[in-house]
Protein backbone atom coordinates (compact mmCIF):
# COMPACT_ATOMS: atom_id res chain seq x y z
CA MET A 1 96.30 -32.49 81.30
CA VAL A 2 99.75 -34.06 81.08
CA GLU A 3 100.86 -31.86 83.98
CA LEU A 4 97.94 -33.27 85.96
CA PHE A 5 98.93 -36.83 85.16
CA LYS A 6 102.52 -36.10 86.14
CA GLU A 7 101.59 -34.82 89.61
CA GLN A 8 99.32 -37.78 90.21
CA PHE A 9 101.90 -40.37 89.15
CA LYS A 10 104.68 -38.72 91.17
CA ASN A 11 102.72 -39.70 94.29
CA TYR A 12 103.13 -43.36 93.56
CA ASN A 13 106.65 -43.60 95.06
CA THR A 14 110.02 -41.80 95.24
CA LYS A 15 111.33 -43.70 92.18
CA VAL A 16 108.53 -42.51 89.90
CA CYS A 17 108.96 -39.00 91.34
CA ASN A 18 112.73 -39.07 90.35
CA ILE A 19 111.85 -40.19 86.85
CA LEU A 20 109.20 -37.47 86.36
CA ASN A 21 111.41 -34.73 87.64
CA ASP A 22 111.07 -31.58 85.52
CA LYS A 23 114.67 -31.73 84.30
CA ASN A 24 114.13 -35.25 82.98
CA ILE A 25 110.82 -34.75 81.27
CA ASP A 26 112.19 -34.39 77.75
CA SER A 27 114.93 -37.07 78.25
CA HIS A 28 114.83 -40.44 76.67
CA LEU A 29 113.39 -43.17 78.94
CA SER A 30 115.62 -46.13 79.69
CA ARG A 31 114.38 -49.74 79.91
CA SER A 32 114.92 -49.75 83.69
CA GLU A 33 112.95 -46.53 84.16
CA ALA A 34 110.23 -47.87 81.86
CA VAL A 35 109.56 -50.98 83.95
CA ILE A 36 109.39 -48.82 87.12
CA LEU A 37 106.79 -46.53 85.55
CA ILE A 38 104.68 -49.31 84.12
CA GLU A 39 104.81 -51.59 87.19
CA SER A 40 104.05 -48.65 89.55
CA PHE A 41 101.10 -47.66 87.41
CA LEU A 42 99.79 -51.23 87.33
CA SER A 43 100.27 -51.80 91.05
CA HIS A 44 98.61 -48.44 91.88
CA LYS A 45 95.54 -49.41 89.76
CA ALA A 46 95.10 -53.04 91.01
CA GLU A 47 95.52 -54.02 94.61
CA LYS A 48 95.98 -57.74 93.97
CA PHE A 49 98.64 -57.05 91.41
CA LYS A 50 100.42 -54.84 93.92
CA ALA A 51 100.17 -57.27 96.72
CA LYS A 52 101.56 -60.26 94.82
CA SER A 53 104.67 -61.57 96.64
CA MET A 54 107.66 -62.32 94.35
CA GLU A 55 109.81 -63.85 97.09
CA ASP A 56 110.16 -67.30 95.41
CA TYR A 57 110.88 -65.97 91.93
CA PHE A 58 114.21 -65.84 90.05
CA LEU A 59 115.26 -63.06 87.76
CA PRO A 60 116.34 -64.51 84.40
CA PHE A 61 118.70 -61.73 83.33
CA ALA A 62 122.37 -62.03 84.33
CA ASP A 63 123.17 -58.34 83.77
CA VAL A 64 120.67 -57.12 86.39
CA ASP A 65 121.98 -56.29 89.87
CA TYR A 66 119.86 -57.26 92.80
CA ASN A 67 120.64 -53.97 94.50
CA THR A 68 118.75 -51.71 92.07
CA ASP A 69 115.68 -49.58 92.12
CA TYR A 70 114.00 -51.42 89.25
CA TYR A 71 114.70 -55.04 90.30
CA ASP A 72 111.29 -55.69 91.97
CA SER A 73 109.33 -54.01 89.18
CA LEU A 74 111.21 -56.03 86.49
CA LEU A 75 110.63 -59.30 88.41
CA LYS A 76 106.89 -58.70 88.54
CA LEU A 77 106.65 -57.85 84.83
CA CYS A 78 108.70 -60.98 83.98
CA TYR A 79 106.16 -63.34 85.43
CA TYR A 80 102.76 -61.71 85.26
CA LEU A 81 100.42 -63.57 82.81
CA GLY A 82 97.02 -62.21 83.10
CA ASP A 83 94.14 -64.08 81.46
CA GLU A 84 94.45 -63.26 77.81
CA ASP A 85 97.48 -65.28 76.66
CA ASP A 86 100.68 -66.85 77.90
CA THR A 87 102.98 -63.88 77.19
CA THR A 88 104.53 -61.91 80.05
CA PRO A 89 104.99 -58.14 79.77
CA ILE A 90 108.75 -58.69 79.80
CA THR A 91 109.63 -61.79 77.84
CA LYS A 92 112.59 -63.95 78.72
CA ASN A 93 113.59 -64.53 75.15
CA ASN A 94 116.74 -62.48 75.51
CA GLU A 95 119.65 -63.52 77.77
CA LEU A 96 120.31 -59.89 78.91
CA PHE A 97 118.02 -57.04 79.87
CA ARG A 98 120.29 -54.04 79.06
CA PRO A 99 118.92 -51.60 81.62
CA LEU A 100 120.45 -48.45 80.18
CA ASP A 101 119.16 -48.96 76.62
CA LYS A 102 116.65 -46.40 75.52
CA VAL A 103 113.19 -48.04 75.39
CA SER A 104 111.62 -47.86 71.94
CA ARG A 105 108.01 -46.84 71.26
CA GLN A 106 107.05 -50.38 70.30
CA GLU A 107 108.74 -51.89 73.45
CA PHE A 108 106.93 -49.54 75.71
CA ILE A 109 103.46 -49.95 74.25
CA ALA A 110 103.97 -53.76 74.28
CA ILE A 111 104.99 -53.94 77.96
CA THR A 112 102.12 -51.61 78.86
CA LEU A 113 99.35 -53.47 77.04
CA GLN A 114 100.55 -56.87 78.03
CA GLY A 115 100.62 -55.62 81.69
CA LEU A 116 97.13 -54.28 81.38
CA ASP A 117 95.94 -57.74 80.23
CA LEU A 118 93.91 -56.22 77.50
CA PRO A 119 92.41 -58.41 74.63
CA LEU A 120 94.92 -57.86 71.75
CA ILE A 121 93.63 -57.25 68.23
CA GLU A 122 95.75 -59.40 65.94
CA ASN A 123 94.90 -57.81 62.54
CA ILE A 124 95.91 -54.37 61.42
CA ASP A 125 92.46 -52.91 60.76
CA TYR A 126 93.24 -49.79 62.76
CA LEU A 127 96.63 -49.16 61.19
CA SER A 128 96.58 -49.92 57.48
CA ASP A 129 95.15 -46.66 56.21
CA LYS A 130 96.57 -44.32 58.78
CA PHE A 131 100.36 -44.83 58.98
CA THR A 132 103.01 -44.88 56.30
CA ASP A 133 105.85 -46.63 58.24
CA LEU A 134 104.21 -49.98 59.09
CA GLY A 135 107.14 -51.66 57.37
CA ASP A 136 109.27 -50.49 60.33
CA VAL A 137 107.02 -52.17 62.89
CA ALA A 138 108.37 -55.55 64.18
CA ASP A 139 106.04 -58.41 63.45
CA TRP A 140 105.68 -59.07 67.23
CA ALA A 141 104.66 -55.44 67.86
CA MET A 142 101.99 -55.17 65.25
CA LYS A 143 99.12 -56.36 67.41
CA TYR A 144 100.16 -53.93 70.20
CA PHE A 145 100.06 -50.85 67.93
CA ASN A 146 96.73 -52.00 66.50
CA THR A 147 95.25 -52.37 69.93
CA ALA A 148 96.73 -49.12 71.15
CA VAL A 149 95.31 -47.08 68.18
CA ARG A 150 91.95 -48.86 68.67
CA HIS A 151 91.79 -47.67 72.27
CA GLN A 152 93.12 -44.15 71.31
CA LEU A 153 96.32 -44.67 73.41
CA MET A 154 98.54 -43.70 70.41
CA SER A 155 97.80 -41.52 67.38
CA GLY A 156 101.21 -41.33 65.70
CA ASN A 157 103.16 -38.41 64.49
CA ASN A 158 102.44 -36.89 61.10
CA GLY A 159 101.17 -40.25 59.86
CA GLU A 160 103.98 -42.25 61.37
CA LEU A 161 104.20 -44.60 64.30
CA LYS A 162 108.07 -44.36 64.50
CA PRO A 163 108.15 -47.77 66.27
CA LYS A 164 111.88 -47.96 66.69
CA ASP A 165 112.40 -44.42 67.92
CA PRO A 166 113.31 -44.02 71.56
CA LEU A 167 110.52 -42.75 73.82
CA SER A 168 110.82 -39.68 75.99
CA VAL A 169 109.62 -39.41 79.57
CA TYR A 170 107.00 -36.98 78.42
CA GLU A 171 105.68 -39.35 75.73
CA ALA A 172 105.49 -42.26 78.30
CA LEU A 173 103.50 -39.96 80.54
CA VAL A 174 101.10 -39.22 77.73
CA ILE A 175 100.45 -42.87 76.98
CA LEU A 176 99.96 -43.79 80.68
CA GLY A 177 97.64 -40.79 81.06
CA ARG A 178 95.51 -41.94 78.18
CA VAL A 179 95.36 -45.47 79.65
CA GLN A 180 94.00 -43.87 82.83
CA GLN A 181 91.44 -41.93 80.90
CA GLN A 182 90.26 -45.00 78.95
CA PHE A 183 90.24 -47.64 81.67
CA GLU A 184 90.01 -45.99 85.09
CA GLY A 185 87.69 -48.15 87.21
CA ASN A 186 87.72 -50.93 84.67
CA TYR A 187 91.19 -52.38 84.62
CA CYS A 188 91.70 -55.99 83.57
CA HIS A 189 94.85 -56.94 85.45
CA ASN A 190 93.43 -57.16 89.01
CA ASP A 191 94.25 -60.82 89.43
CA THR A 192 97.15 -62.97 90.60
CA SER A 193 97.85 -65.03 87.48
CA PHE A 194 101.65 -65.36 87.42
CA LYS A 195 103.85 -67.90 85.91
CA ASN A 196 105.16 -70.65 88.25
CA PRO A 197 108.80 -69.83 89.17
CA GLU A 198 109.63 -73.50 88.99
CA ASN A 199 108.97 -73.45 85.28
CA LEU A 200 112.09 -71.33 84.82
CA ASP A 201 114.88 -73.45 83.37
CA VAL A 202 117.78 -72.45 85.58
CA GLN A 203 120.28 -74.34 83.35
CA LYS A 204 119.64 -71.80 80.64
CA LEU A 205 120.47 -68.79 82.90
CA LEU A 206 123.74 -66.98 82.09
CA LEU A 207 126.25 -66.96 84.91
CA LYS A 208 129.11 -64.60 85.78
CA ASN A 209 131.11 -67.58 87.18
CA ILE A 210 130.65 -71.27 86.45
CA GLY A 211 132.01 -74.51 87.87
CA PHE A 212 133.02 -75.50 91.42
CA GLU A 213 136.21 -75.84 93.38
CA TYR A 214 136.04 -79.03 95.47
CA GLU A 215 138.05 -80.25 98.45
CA PRO A 216 140.44 -82.91 97.04
CA GLN A 217 139.64 -86.42 98.09
CA TYR A 218 143.30 -87.41 98.10
CA TYR A 219 146.65 -85.65 98.70
CA GLU A 220 149.42 -87.37 96.72
CA SER A 221 152.81 -85.70 97.45
CA ASP A 222 154.70 -87.72 94.95
CA ALA A 223 152.25 -86.97 92.03
CA GLN A 224 152.64 -84.78 89.00
CA GLY A 225 150.01 -82.06 89.52
CA ILE A 226 147.52 -80.91 86.98
CA SER A 227 148.82 -78.67 84.22
CA ILE A 228 146.41 -76.64 82.10
CA THR A 229 148.20 -76.24 78.77
CA ASN A 230 145.65 -74.46 76.57
CA VAL A 231 142.16 -73.24 75.99
CA THR A 232 140.58 -73.59 72.58
CA GLU A 233 137.51 -71.97 71.22
CA SER A 234 134.96 -72.91 68.55
CA ARG A 235 131.82 -71.26 67.31
CA ALA A 236 128.64 -72.10 69.21
CA THR A 237 125.31 -73.19 67.84
CA SER A 238 121.83 -72.51 69.11
CA GLU A 239 121.38 -76.28 69.67
CA LEU A 240 124.37 -76.44 72.02
CA CYS A 241 124.46 -73.09 73.70
CA GLY A 242 121.08 -71.60 73.10
CA ILE A 243 122.21 -68.89 70.63
CA ASP A 244 124.76 -68.65 67.84
CA ASN A 245 126.48 -65.47 69.27
CA ALA A 246 128.62 -67.46 71.65
CA LEU A 247 131.74 -69.49 71.83
CA ILE A 248 132.56 -72.97 73.14
CA LEU A 249 135.61 -72.90 75.34
CA SER A 250 137.48 -76.23 76.01
CA VAL A 251 140.34 -76.97 78.34
CA THR A 252 143.38 -79.03 77.37
CA ALA A 253 145.16 -80.36 80.49
CA GLU A 254 147.72 -82.94 81.56
CA THR A 255 147.25 -85.02 84.67
CA ASP A 256 149.35 -87.76 86.38
CA SER A 257 148.52 -90.96 84.49
CA SER A 258 150.01 -93.07 87.27
CA LYS A 259 147.32 -91.81 89.55
CA ASN A 260 144.39 -92.41 87.12
CA ASP A 261 142.43 -94.36 89.80
CA LYS A 262 142.41 -91.16 91.91
CA VAL A 263 142.58 -88.29 89.47
CA SER A 264 139.30 -86.59 88.72
CA GLU A 265 139.36 -83.29 86.90
CA TYR A 266 137.07 -80.39 87.80
CA TYR A 267 137.21 -76.77 86.57
CA TRP A 268 135.82 -73.30 87.42
CA TRP A 269 135.76 -70.20 85.25
CA SER A 270 135.48 -66.40 85.47
CA SER A 271 135.89 -63.48 83.13
CA ASN A 272 136.59 -59.78 83.41
CA GLN A 273 133.23 -59.41 81.54
CA GLY A 274 130.83 -61.71 79.71
CA TYR A 275 128.87 -64.75 80.84
CA PHE A 276 128.88 -68.53 80.99
CA ARG A 277 126.40 -71.32 80.52
CA GLU A 278 126.86 -75.05 81.07
CA TYR A 279 127.81 -76.96 78.01
CA PRO A 280 125.59 -80.06 77.56
CA GLY A 281 127.15 -83.17 79.00
CA SER A 282 130.24 -81.42 80.53
CA GLU A 283 129.54 -82.06 84.16
CA ASN A 284 133.10 -81.18 85.34
CA PHE A 285 132.98 -77.90 83.28
CA LYS A 286 135.93 -78.84 81.12
CA LYS A 287 133.91 -77.33 78.26
CA VAL A 288 131.61 -74.31 78.67
CA CYS A 289 129.59 -71.89 76.59
CA PHE A 290 130.79 -68.23 76.73
CA PHE A 291 128.63 -65.25 75.86
CA PRO A 292 129.46 -61.61 75.23
CA ALA A 293 128.70 -58.83 77.68
CA THR A 294 126.16 -56.15 76.77
CA VAL A 295 128.90 -54.17 75.04
CA MET A 296 132.43 -55.14 73.94
CA PRO A 297 134.94 -54.44 76.68
CA LYS A 298 137.54 -51.89 75.68
CA SER A 299 140.33 -54.28 76.56
CA GLY A 300 138.65 -57.44 75.23
CA TYR A 301 137.74 -60.50 77.23
CA SER A 302 140.11 -62.13 79.67
CA VAL A 303 138.89 -65.54 80.79
CA LEU A 304 140.52 -67.32 83.75
CA VAL A 305 140.02 -71.06 84.10
CA SER A 306 141.19 -72.92 87.21
CA GLY A 307 141.34 -76.71 87.47
CA GLY A 308 141.84 -79.26 90.18
CA ASP A 309 142.75 -82.97 89.81
CA ASN A 310 141.33 -84.41 93.18
CA ILE A 311 144.89 -85.39 94.37
CA GLY A 312 145.80 -81.96 95.88
CA TYR A 313 146.93 -79.86 92.89
CA VAL A 314 145.44 -76.84 91.22
CA ASP A 315 146.41 -74.87 88.06
CA ARG A 316 145.29 -71.78 86.34
CA PHE A 317 145.23 -70.52 82.72
CA THR A 318 144.29 -67.17 81.22
CA TYR A 319 142.79 -66.98 77.74
CA GLU A 320 142.23 -63.81 75.78
CA ILE A 321 139.23 -63.51 73.53
CA LYS A 322 139.52 -61.20 70.48
CA ASP A 323 137.16 -58.35 69.64
CA GLN A 324 135.92 -59.90 66.41
CA ASP A 325 134.87 -63.15 68.03
CA PHE A 326 131.39 -61.88 68.79
CA LEU A 327 128.77 -59.78 67.14
CA HIS A 328 127.95 -56.72 69.27
CA GLU A 329 124.93 -55.52 67.38
CA ASN A 330 123.71 -53.19 70.13
CA ASP A 331 127.04 -51.47 70.81
CA ASP A 332 125.80 -48.26 69.33
CA ILE A 333 126.26 -45.70 72.15
CA ALA A 334 123.32 -43.72 70.76
CA GLN A 335 121.06 -46.46 72.00
CA ILE A 336 122.08 -45.87 75.64
CA VAL A 337 120.73 -43.10 77.74
CA GLU A 338 123.00 -40.20 78.29
CA ASP A 339 122.33 -39.23 81.88
CA VAL A 340 124.29 -41.94 83.80
CA GLU A 341 126.41 -41.11 86.78
CA SER A 342 128.79 -43.20 88.87
CA ASN A 343 128.98 -42.70 92.63
CA PRO A 344 130.52 -45.86 94.19
CA SER A 345 132.62 -45.93 97.29
CA PHE A 346 134.77 -48.74 98.70
CA SER A 347 136.33 -49.52 102.05
CA GLY A 348 138.39 -52.47 103.22
CA GLU A 349 141.07 -53.49 105.69
CA LYS A 350 144.58 -52.26 105.25
CA PHE A 351 145.87 -55.77 105.77
CA MET A 352 145.24 -58.70 103.45
CA THR A 353 146.23 -62.21 104.61
CA SER A 354 146.89 -65.23 102.49
CA GLY A 355 144.01 -67.75 102.64
CA LYS A 356 141.87 -65.52 104.90
CA ALA A 357 138.59 -63.96 103.69
CA TYR A 358 139.03 -60.38 102.75
CA LYS A 359 135.89 -58.17 102.92
CA LEU A 360 135.39 -55.07 100.72
CA ASP A 361 132.42 -52.89 101.48
CA VAL A 362 130.83 -51.45 98.34
CA SER A 363 128.20 -48.79 98.27
CA GLY A 364 126.67 -46.89 95.31
CA GLY A 365 127.31 -47.80 91.72
CA PHE A 366 125.63 -46.39 88.60
CA GLU A 367 122.52 -44.13 88.59
CA SER A 368 120.31 -42.71 85.87
CA SER A 369 117.81 -39.90 86.67
CA GLY A 370 118.22 -40.71 90.37
CA ILE A 371 117.45 -44.36 89.78
CA LYS A 372 120.02 -46.95 91.11
CA ILE A 373 121.04 -49.06 88.12
CA GLY A 374 123.49 -51.14 90.10
CA ILE A 375 126.61 -53.01 88.79
CA GLU A 376 126.63 -55.40 85.90
CA HIS A 377 130.14 -56.69 86.55
CA MET A 378 132.90 -56.00 89.12
CA GLU A 379 136.56 -57.06 88.85
CA VAL A 380 139.09 -56.68 91.78
CA THR A 381 142.74 -57.17 90.95
CA PHE A 382 146.04 -56.68 92.79
CA SER A 383 149.38 -55.42 91.72
CA SER A 384 152.84 -55.04 93.11
CA GLU A 385 156.26 -54.36 91.77
CA SER A 386 156.67 -58.09 90.85
CA LEU A 387 153.26 -59.62 90.62
CA GLN A 388 149.69 -58.92 89.49
CA GLY A 389 146.53 -61.01 89.41
CA VAL A 390 142.77 -61.42 89.84
CA LEU A 391 141.19 -61.44 93.33
CA PHE A 392 137.46 -61.32 92.49
CA ARG A 393 135.08 -61.31 89.54
CA GLY A 394 131.30 -61.08 89.91
CA ARG A 395 129.00 -58.65 91.69
CA PRO A 396 128.60 -57.44 95.29
CA PHE A 397 126.03 -59.21 97.43
CA GLU A 398 124.31 -56.93 99.90
CA ASN A 399 126.96 -54.29 99.39
CA LEU A 400 129.75 -56.69 100.28
CA VAL A 401 132.47 -58.47 98.29
CA ILE A 402 134.31 -61.32 99.90
CA PHE A 403 137.32 -63.21 98.38
CA ILE A 404 140.13 -65.44 99.54
CA PRO A 405 143.51 -64.00 98.55
CA PRO A 406 145.87 -66.66 96.98
CA ASP A 407 149.09 -67.64 98.72
CA MET A 408 151.97 -65.66 97.35
CA PRO A 409 155.11 -66.18 99.55
CA GLU A 410 157.18 -63.72 97.46
CA LEU A 411 154.85 -60.87 98.62
CA TYR A 412 154.84 -61.63 102.42
CA GLY A 413 155.27 -58.38 104.26
CA GLU A 414 155.04 -56.25 101.05
CA TYR A 415 152.44 -53.65 100.12
CA VAL A 416 150.08 -54.14 97.21
CA ASP A 417 147.50 -51.99 95.36
CA ILE A 418 143.96 -53.14 94.81
CA GLN A 419 142.23 -51.94 91.68
CA ILE A 420 138.46 -52.05 91.53
CA ALA A 421 136.68 -51.82 88.12
CA LEU A 422 132.84 -51.53 87.77
CA HIS A 423 131.06 -52.03 84.53
CA THR A 424 127.39 -51.55 83.42
CA GLN A 425 127.01 -51.66 79.64
CA ASN A 426 129.33 -49.03 78.27
CA LYS A 427 129.84 -47.31 81.63
CA THR A 428 133.04 -47.95 83.53
CA PHE A 429 134.35 -46.79 86.85
CA THR A 430 137.84 -47.63 88.37
CA GLN A 431 139.43 -46.91 91.69
CA ILE A 432 142.64 -47.93 93.35
CA ILE A 433 143.10 -48.69 97.04
CA SER A 434 146.83 -48.29 97.73
CA ASN A 435 149.24 -49.70 100.24
CA ILE A 436 147.44 -52.86 101.41
CA LYS A 437 149.92 -54.94 103.41
CA TYR A 438 149.99 -58.59 102.27
CA LEU A 439 150.60 -61.03 105.16
CA PRO A 440 151.22 -64.76 105.51
CA LYS A 441 149.06 -66.89 107.70
CA PHE A 442 151.22 -67.32 110.84
CA ILE A 443 150.82 -70.88 112.02
CA VAL A 444 152.20 -72.96 114.92
CA ARG A 445 151.43 -76.70 114.81
CA GLY A 446 152.94 -79.83 116.01
CA LYS A 447 152.61 -82.87 118.33
CA VAL A 448 153.22 -83.64 121.93
CA TYR A 449 154.64 -86.99 123.09
CA ASN A 450 153.96 -87.75 126.72
CA VAL A 451 156.45 -90.09 128.38
CA ASN A 452 154.08 -90.96 131.25
CA ALA A 453 150.49 -91.96 130.50
CA THR A 454 149.24 -91.09 133.94
CA ASP A 455 150.48 -87.41 133.79
CA GLU A 456 149.70 -86.51 130.25
CA ALA A 457 149.78 -82.96 129.04
CA ASP A 458 146.39 -82.00 127.54
CA SER A 459 147.22 -78.50 126.23
CA ILE A 460 150.04 -76.03 125.50
CA TYR A 461 150.52 -72.30 125.73
CA ILE A 462 151.42 -70.38 122.57
CA GLY A 463 152.21 -66.97 123.96
CA ASP A 464 149.36 -66.39 126.42
CA GLN A 465 146.87 -68.47 124.36
CA GLN A 466 145.94 -71.85 125.72
CA VAL A 467 145.63 -74.40 122.87
CA TYR A 468 144.16 -77.87 123.61
CA LEU A 469 145.59 -81.07 122.06
CA ASP A 470 143.38 -83.20 119.87
CA GLU A 471 142.83 -86.98 120.29
CA ASN A 472 146.24 -87.59 118.60
CA ASN A 473 148.01 -85.13 120.93
CA GLU A 474 148.45 -82.72 117.96
CA PHE A 475 147.83 -78.98 117.92
CA PHE A 476 147.22 -76.34 115.31
CA TRP A 477 146.97 -72.62 115.95
CA VAL A 478 146.71 -69.63 113.54
CA ILE A 479 147.92 -66.35 114.93
CA ASP A 480 146.49 -63.10 113.68
CA SER A 481 149.35 -60.57 113.46
CA THR A 482 150.14 -57.65 111.17
CA ASP A 483 153.86 -58.11 111.52
CA GLU A 484 156.45 -60.78 112.20
CA ILE A 485 156.22 -62.53 115.55
CA LEU A 486 159.59 -62.74 117.41
CA ASP A 487 160.37 -64.54 120.69
CA LEU A 488 157.06 -66.37 120.87
CA SER A 489 157.01 -68.64 123.83
CA VAL A 490 155.69 -72.22 123.61
CA SER A 491 155.19 -74.24 126.78
CA ILE A 492 153.30 -77.27 128.06
CA ASN A 493 150.34 -76.38 130.28
CA ASN A 494 150.29 -79.65 132.40
CA GLU A 495 153.46 -81.46 133.31
CA SER A 496 154.99 -83.34 136.22
CA GLU A 497 158.35 -84.78 137.34
CA ALA A 498 157.47 -87.90 135.48
CA ASN A 499 156.55 -85.94 132.28
CA LEU A 500 158.83 -82.94 131.92
CA PHE A 501 159.03 -80.50 128.94
CA ASP A 502 161.39 -77.63 128.19
CA ASP A 503 159.90 -74.25 127.27
CA LEU A 504 160.60 -72.99 123.81
CA THR A 505 160.96 -69.63 122.06
CA ILE A 506 160.29 -69.38 118.34
CA ASP A 507 160.23 -66.76 115.61
CA LEU A 508 157.48 -66.56 112.94
CA THR A 509 158.88 -64.42 110.12
CA TYR A 510 157.88 -63.54 106.56
CA ASP A 511 160.56 -65.97 105.32
CA ASN A 512 159.30 -68.73 107.67
CA PRO A 513 155.73 -67.92 108.85
CA GLN A 514 154.87 -71.49 109.93
CA LYS A 515 156.59 -73.76 112.52
CA PHE A 516 156.05 -77.44 113.15
CA ILE A 517 157.11 -78.45 116.65
CA VAL A 518 157.49 -81.78 118.36
CA MET A 519 157.57 -81.66 122.14
CA ILE A 520 158.78 -84.88 123.92
CA GLY A 521 158.26 -85.50 127.51
CA LYS A 522 161.07 -86.99 129.64
CA ASN A 523 161.25 -88.50 133.13
CA ASP A 524 163.97 -87.75 135.70
CA SER A 525 166.34 -90.28 133.95
CA GLY A 526 166.23 -88.21 130.70
CA ASN A 527 165.85 -91.33 128.56
CA LEU A 528 163.78 -91.44 125.33
CA ASP A 529 162.18 -94.74 124.54
CA MET A 530 163.35 -96.21 121.19
CA SER A 531 159.79 -96.97 119.98
CA ASP A 532 158.76 -93.35 120.62
CA ALA A 533 161.78 -92.06 118.71
CA ILE A 534 160.98 -94.22 115.67
CA SER A 535 157.34 -93.16 115.79
CA ILE A 536 158.40 -89.51 115.95
CA LEU A 537 160.80 -89.67 113.09
CA LYS A 538 158.40 -91.60 110.92
CA MET A 539 155.94 -88.79 111.43
CA LEU A 540 158.57 -86.23 110.54
CA THR A 541 159.15 -87.85 107.15
CA THR A 542 155.43 -87.20 106.28
CA GLN A 543 155.70 -83.45 107.01
CA GLU A 544 156.23 -80.84 104.40
CA ASN A 545 158.55 -78.90 106.71
CA TYR A 546 162.13 -79.52 107.61
CA ILE A 547 164.36 -80.84 110.43
CA ASP A 548 167.19 -78.45 111.45
CA LEU A 549 170.24 -80.73 112.09
CA ASP A 550 171.92 -77.84 114.10
CA LEU A 551 169.25 -78.26 116.76
CA LEU A 552 169.69 -82.01 116.92
CA LYS A 553 173.28 -82.61 118.07
CA SER A 554 173.56 -86.17 119.25
CA ASP A 555 175.11 -85.31 122.65
CA GLU A 556 172.02 -83.16 123.41
CA LEU A 557 169.37 -85.38 121.96
CA TRP A 558 170.48 -88.57 123.70
CA SER A 559 171.04 -86.82 127.05
CA GLY A 560 167.34 -86.02 127.24
CA ARG A 561 166.50 -83.14 124.92
CA ASP A 562 162.73 -83.16 124.77
CA THR A 563 161.82 -80.84 121.81
CA ILE A 564 162.63 -80.95 118.10
CA PHE A 565 162.15 -78.05 115.71
CA ILE A 566 161.29 -79.22 112.22
CA ASN A 567 163.14 -77.19 109.47
CA ASP A 568 164.51 -79.95 107.17
CA ALA A 569 162.40 -83.14 106.70
CA VAL A 570 164.73 -84.60 104.10
CA ASN A 571 167.26 -85.44 106.87
CA ALA A 572 164.76 -87.34 109.07
CA LEU A 573 165.89 -90.79 107.91
CA GLN A 574 169.56 -89.90 108.60
CA ILE A 575 168.67 -88.75 112.02
CA LEU A 576 166.87 -92.01 112.68
CA SER A 577 169.85 -93.97 111.53
CA ASP A 578 172.18 -91.92 113.78
CA PHE A 579 169.80 -92.54 116.68
CA LYS A 580 169.90 -96.23 116.14
CA ASP A 581 173.70 -96.20 116.02
CA GLU A 582 173.85 -94.35 119.36
CA GLN A 583 171.54 -96.95 120.93
């Protein structure tokens, strides 16, 4: 009879077929496989249940990857209510789902009966004189066992229910087969009674990353930037963080007190593993709740907090959390299914540019019995001979990871290695992509001063690329290149005898990948108006670049030189003084 049930159920879909494969039949059933079996059974038996769209629903478990074979089944079982009570087959009482845990007998029968929407028998009339291990049954599970025995879905084993023992695939098949025998043609779950997704309190969800990086409202070049000096931890309470097995992490930072009218702190957090939740009242995320991962990381927790001050400065601080700071009651490897394989693959560009989005294609992950389990957490780091750091923490979205590499001038033109680490419960996979060339962002920017308003230049050529001037006659151009750019020509596109410009040749190197250029028109007399010169030099003093005095010899400038390279801004005022003396 069991063999008949197996062949019937295998026709439901490919996922069920993989779970019921002959080589798996005696294996322990994982929680992820259990929800696939139960939801597939319920959907096959009730068309309305199957047709229910879950498009607007949110999954409440932070350790569940969207790109899994069990995601849709779990989502439906998290929200189905039925008519009997207000309990869903999968409750949202726990913060994490733990997909690789072996499902226990009491868990499986509870999910199954709640999904069937059967009237539950609260007393123990059908248990008390038949089983000797009722003391092992969880209080919440007693009514499910009582109902299951009443409907002959379970009979026990030598007078024991063994409620906490892991369930095998074969035993799950027996239970579902008995359900089919008892209720075929008379199922109770053929309705569309699902919890409203808006009732989910999203503030209680655990997050892999928390906080936001904002665009500063001000840029104060003379300010003392934010400095994160420490992170402190304290034990959480259920009132503050939802559960006691968590920590409260608090930032200590210094900001420029002379800019208090403009300073506004904001923070964002990530960790190699583990989860965050908003701390009540801390809207800038200076204080957060931190929760452990499904199992303790072998290297402990490494938390990275970044902070901005709203005046143009950012700082980072790494905080290590010790092993003993959390209770990991479910770390027992014996509670996790054995048959887990890792088959990920990664591909990315061989060049990584400062400040430019880098894309990493990710396929595969972890599998159990042919079922995609996905990735609980992914960390991407870089390393070179002199530096190492974090590039990304989180999870791929639609098989893609995108991150913005930080600016590291000391690595321009050098090669770095990228290490990718994947985690799902106690399963880990690492891979290194070597010899990624790290590049600066090559930029040419500047301003054009037309000497004649009727023959104004409206664009320039940088190499063979035409770049138009904005309303302030300024230009900004980023050049994609995998190497230094030498002998790059810069010229005005539109000029006349009344508005002449000299062509330039510049180098963009790893030592100096950005150039600021001022191009000044001249008429046939070669004279530069004093007000124009003062305006130019005032602008130069606001730039972060520099004026090169070697290029500004007075006998050339005053005789009509029309371009100025900026390499040393600190000398701008002296140049202005010299200019006035010459006049």
